[in-house]
């Protein structure tokens, strides 16, 4: 699954950075650890398709590079966290998320693992990085069948996300698959996808939700 360690034999800061974090799974491990420390089992569950051996190798490489550190909690439990060097990758990961939403987003493939909370987090990053604002604060709750709930909130300045639910302007009941499809649909199609989900809220609030939460209109990469 994993070949020789990535090297470019090319003197360039970008090449050197990719030698450190450009291996398969490395940036996704950093992405997960940006949300806080994790155990080995937590990372395997989140990354889903990575093998135990592959994850061990990547964590070892990131530790050797000074990006990740481990802390033993008892005899059998180990927590992984980012070092300051790893935390410095946050804007790079966020830029990658924004680029992915604008230029590479697609609906989920059959059988593809979907973490709905992570998908929501990507769009919260996008809304904040692109400065998407509403004229008033809002609270939206999304319930995922058999998985849990997320609260999305705009306080007038920034967007945020947290687990659980509270009084909300819009409440959505859906599956992870439908939620991912909704988020990856262009604005003109999201109203149709609302009918696939159980949605509560006034017509105005639901339209505002569908307009705001999801991918923007397609970007033409040939244009500036």
Protein backbone atom coordinates (compact mmCIF):
# COMPACT_ATOMS: atom_id res chain seq x y z
CA UNK A 1 0.00 0.00 0.00
CA UNK A 2 2.79 2.38 0.87
CA UNK A 3 5.85 2.73 -1.31
CA UNK A 4 9.23 4.34 -0.68
CA UNK A 5 9.17 7.59 1.25
CA UNK A 6 8.40 10.59 -0.94
CA UNK A 7 11.48 12.48 -2.13
CA UNK A 8 11.87 14.89 -5.03
CA UNK A 9 15.65 15.38 -5.22
CA UNK A 10 14.81 18.98 -6.01
CA UNK A 11 15.88 22.01 -3.95
CA UNK A 12 12.71 24.01 -3.34
CA UNK A 13 10.78 24.90 -0.15
CA UNK A 14 7.55 23.62 -1.73
CA UNK A 15 9.20 20.31 -2.62
CA UNK A 16 10.62 19.98 0.89
CA UNK A 17 7.22 20.72 2.45
CA UNK A 18 5.63 18.02 0.32
CA UNK A 19 8.33 15.57 1.38
CA UNK A 20 7.22 16.16 4.98
CA UNK A 21 3.42 16.28 4.60
CA UNK A 22 2.70 15.19 1.04
CA UNK A 23 2.50 11.44 1.62
CA UNK A 24 -0.93 9.82 1.30
CA UNK A 25 -3.05 10.40 4.44
CA UNK A 26 -0.59 12.79 6.09
CA UNK A 27 -2.58 15.98 5.59
CA UNK A 28 -5.81 14.21 6.52
CA UNK A 29 -4.23 13.16 9.80
CA UNK A 30 -3.23 16.78 10.35
CA UNK A 31 -6.78 17.85 9.46
CA UNK A 32 -8.24 15.58 12.14
CA UNK A 33 -5.70 16.62 14.78
CA UNK A 34 -6.40 20.30 14.14
CA UNK A 35 -9.72 19.65 15.90
CA UNK A 36 -7.90 18.36 18.99
CA UNK A 37 -5.93 15.41 20.27
CA UNK A 38 -6.98 11.95 19.16
CA UNK A 39 -6.26 8.33 19.99
CA UNK A 40 -5.07 5.84 17.39
CA UNK A 41 -8.53 4.22 17.25
CA UNK A 42 -10.16 7.64 16.81
CA UNK A 43 -7.97 8.38 13.80
CA UNK A 44 -8.61 4.98 12.24
CA UNK A 45 -12.35 5.42 12.65
CA UNK A 46 -12.23 8.89 11.14
CA UNK A 47 -10.01 8.00 8.19
CA UNK A 48 -11.94 4.73 7.64
CA UNK A 49 -9.99 3.34 4.67
CA UNK A 50 -6.48 3.51 6.14
CA UNK A 51 -4.95 0.32 7.52
CA UNK A 52 -3.53 0.08 11.03
CA UNK A 53 -0.06 -0.40 9.53
CA UNK A 54 -0.49 2.58 7.23
CA UNK A 55 -1.66 4.83 10.06
CA UNK A 56 1.25 3.72 12.26
CA UNK A 57 3.72 4.53 9.49
CA UNK A 58 2.23 7.95 8.83
CA UNK A 59 2.12 8.87 12.51
CA UNK A 60 5.74 7.76 12.89
CA UNK A 61 6.78 9.88 9.89
CA UNK A 62 4.92 12.92 11.24
CA UNK A 63 6.47 12.44 14.67
CA UNK A 64 9.95 12.24 13.16
CA UNK A 65 9.23 15.44 11.26
CA UNK A 66 8.16 17.20 14.46
CA UNK A 67 4.58 17.70 13.23
CA UNK A 68 2.88 15.30 15.67
CA UNK A 69 3.69 14.28 19.22
CA UNK A 70 2.32 11.48 21.38
CA UNK A 71 1.49 11.25 25.04
CA UNK A 72 0.97 8.00 26.92
CA UNK A 73 -2.02 7.99 29.28
CA UNK A 74 -1.60 4.83 31.29
CA UNK A 75 -0.05 1.63 30.00
CA UNK A 76 -2.17 1.10 26.90
CA UNK A 77 -3.65 4.45 25.89
CA UNK A 78 -1.78 6.91 23.69
CA UNK A 79 -2.99 10.34 22.55
CA UNK A 80 -1.69 12.13 19.47
CA UNK A 81 -1.64 15.91 19.08
CA UNK A 82 -0.09 18.49 16.80
CA UNK A 83 3.04 20.33 17.80
CA UNK A 84 3.28 24.11 17.12
CA UNK A 85 4.89 23.09 13.82
CA UNK A 86 1.82 21.01 13.02
CA UNK A 87 -0.61 23.72 14.14
CA UNK A 88 1.08 26.06 11.67
CA UNK A 89 -0.42 23.91 8.89
CA UNK A 90 -3.97 25.11 9.78
CA UNK A 91 -4.19 27.81 7.07
CA UNK A 92 -2.85 25.38 4.48
CA UNK A 93 -5.51 22.80 5.33
CA UNK A 94 -8.20 25.50 5.32
CA UNK A 95 -7.05 26.78 1.92
CA UNK A 96 -7.18 23.22 0.62
CA UNK A 97 -10.75 22.86 1.89
CA UNK A 98 -11.80 26.13 0.21
CA UNK A 99 -10.16 25.13 -3.09
CA UNK A 100 -11.78 21.70 -2.90
CA UNK A 101 -15.23 23.20 -2.40
CA UNK A 102 -14.84 25.67 -5.23
CA UNK A 103 -13.06 23.52 -7.81
CA UNK A 104 -13.13 19.81 -6.95
CA UNK A 105 -16.36 19.06 -5.11
CA UNK A 106 -18.56 16.21 -6.33
CA UNK A 107 -21.44 14.16 -4.88
CA UNK A 108 -20.42 11.15 -2.76
CA UNK A 109 -19.66 7.96 -4.63
CA UNK A 110 -21.55 4.74 -3.80
CA UNK A 111 -20.03 3.12 -0.74
CA UNK A 112 -17.87 6.12 0.08
CA UNK A 113 -17.40 6.80 3.79
CA UNK A 114 -19.22 9.97 4.92
CA UNK A 115 -18.66 11.79 8.18
CA UNK A 116 -21.48 14.38 8.17
CA UNK A 117 -19.99 16.46 10.99
CA UNK A 118 -16.70 16.76 9.13
CA UNK A 119 -18.53 17.66 5.93
CA UNK A 120 -20.36 20.41 7.81
CA UNK A 121 -17.08 21.62 9.33
CA UNK A 122 -15.60 22.02 5.84
CA UNK A 123 -18.41 24.35 4.85
CA UNK A 124 -18.13 26.32 8.09
CA UNK A 125 -14.48 26.85 7.18
CA UNK A 126 -15.53 27.93 3.71
CA UNK A 127 -18.13 30.44 4.93
CA UNK A 128 -15.67 32.04 7.33
CA UNK A 129 -12.74 32.10 4.91
CA UNK A 130 -14.84 33.59 2.12
CA UNK A 131 -16.55 36.08 4.43
CA UNK A 132 -20.09 34.90 3.71
CA UNK A 133 -22.36 36.99 5.96
CA UNK A 134 -26.07 37.21 6.65
CA UNK A 135 -27.93 40.34 7.75
CA UNK A 136 -28.94 38.70 11.03
CA UNK A 137 -27.89 35.87 13.38
CA UNK A 138 -29.23 32.38 12.66
CA UNK A 139 -29.21 28.97 14.30
CA UNK A 140 -29.62 25.80 12.26
CA UNK A 141 -29.78 22.23 13.57
CA UNK A 142 -29.04 19.20 11.40
CA UNK A 143 -29.96 15.76 12.75
CA UNK A 144 -28.26 12.76 11.16
CA UNK A 145 -30.15 9.48 11.38
CA UNK A 146 -28.50 7.27 13.96
CA UNK A 147 -25.39 9.45 14.14
CA UNK A 148 -26.19 12.59 16.16
CA UNK A 149 -26.87 16.27 15.65
CA UNK A 150 -24.91 19.42 14.82
CA UNK A 151 -25.80 23.02 15.55
CA UNK A 152 -24.67 25.59 12.98
CA UNK A 153 -24.73 29.20 14.12
CA UNK A 154 -23.99 32.64 12.71
CA UNK A 155 -23.60 35.27 15.44
CA UNK A 156 -23.51 38.27 13.12
CA UNK A 157 -19.77 38.03 12.52
CA UNK A 158 -18.64 34.40 12.31
CA UNK A 159 -19.98 30.94 11.64
CA UNK A 160 -19.53 28.13 14.17
CA UNK A 161 -20.48 24.50 14.65
CA UNK A 162 -20.92 22.37 17.76
CA UNK A 163 -22.37 18.96 18.56
CA UNK A 164 -25.92 18.65 19.89
CA UNK A 165 -28.91 20.84 19.27
CA UNK A 166 -30.82 23.80 20.66
CA UNK A 167 -33.68 26.10 19.70
CA UNK A 168 -33.23 26.81 16.00
CA UNK A 169 -34.61 28.74 13.04
CA UNK A 170 -34.23 25.67 10.82
CA UNK A 171 -34.18 21.99 11.77
CA UNK A 172 -33.16 19.34 9.24
CA UNK A 173 -33.58 15.57 9.64
CA UNK A 174 -31.56 13.64 7.11
CA UNK A 175 -29.03 10.88 6.45
CA UNK A 176 -25.29 11.44 6.04
CA UNK A 177 -25.57 10.44 2.35
CA UNK A 178 -28.35 12.93 1.59
CA UNK A 179 -26.61 15.69 3.57
CA UNK A 180 -23.38 15.21 1.60
CA UNK A 181 -25.33 15.25 -1.65
CA UNK A 182 -27.16 18.42 -0.61
CA UNK A 183 -23.90 20.18 0.27
CA UNK A 184 -22.28 19.22 -3.02
CA UNK A 185 -25.24 20.32 -5.15
CA UNK A 186 -25.23 23.72 -6.90
CA UNK A 187 -27.55 26.36 -5.39
CA UNK A 188 -30.25 25.87 -8.03
CA UNK A 189 -30.66 22.20 -7.05
CA UNK A 190 -30.56 22.51 -3.27
CA UNK A 191 -34.23 23.48 -2.94
CA UNK A 192 -35.09 20.16 -4.58
CA UNK A 193 -32.88 18.29 -2.13
CA UNK A 194 -34.68 19.96 0.78
CA UNK A 195 -37.71 17.89 -0.23
CA UNK A 196 -35.58 14.75 0.30
CA UNK A 197 -34.96 15.80 3.89
CA UNK A 198 -37.39 16.54 6.68
CA UNK A 199 -37.05 20.31 7.03
CA UNK A 200 -38.71 22.56 9.61
CA UNK A 201 -38.74 26.34 9.40
CA UNK A 202 -40.46 29.19 7.62
CA UNK A 203 -40.22 29.33 3.84
CA UNK A 204 -37.97 32.38 4.09
CA UNK A 205 -35.61 30.71 6.55
CA UNK A 206 -35.44 27.48 4.55
CA UNK A 207 -34.64 29.38 1.37
CA UNK A 208 -31.91 31.28 3.23
CA UNK A 209 -30.50 27.99 4.50
CA UNK A 210 -30.48 26.42 1.02
CA UNK A 211 -28.88 29.53 -0.47
CA UNK A 212 -26.10 29.69 2.10
CA UNK A 213 -25.18 26.17 3.19
CA UNK A 214 -23.51 24.37 0.32
CA UNK A 215 -21.20 24.76 -2.63
CA UNK A 216 -21.13 28.07 -4.50
CA UNK A 217 -21.91 28.41 -8.17
CA UNK A 218 -19.36 26.53 -10.27
CA UNK A 219 -16.10 28.34 -10.82
CA UNK A 220 -14.63 28.39 -14.32
CA UNK A 221 -10.92 27.63 -13.81
CA UNK A 222 -10.15 29.41 -17.09
CA UNK A 223 -11.30 32.71 -15.63
CA UNK A 224 -9.55 34.76 -12.91
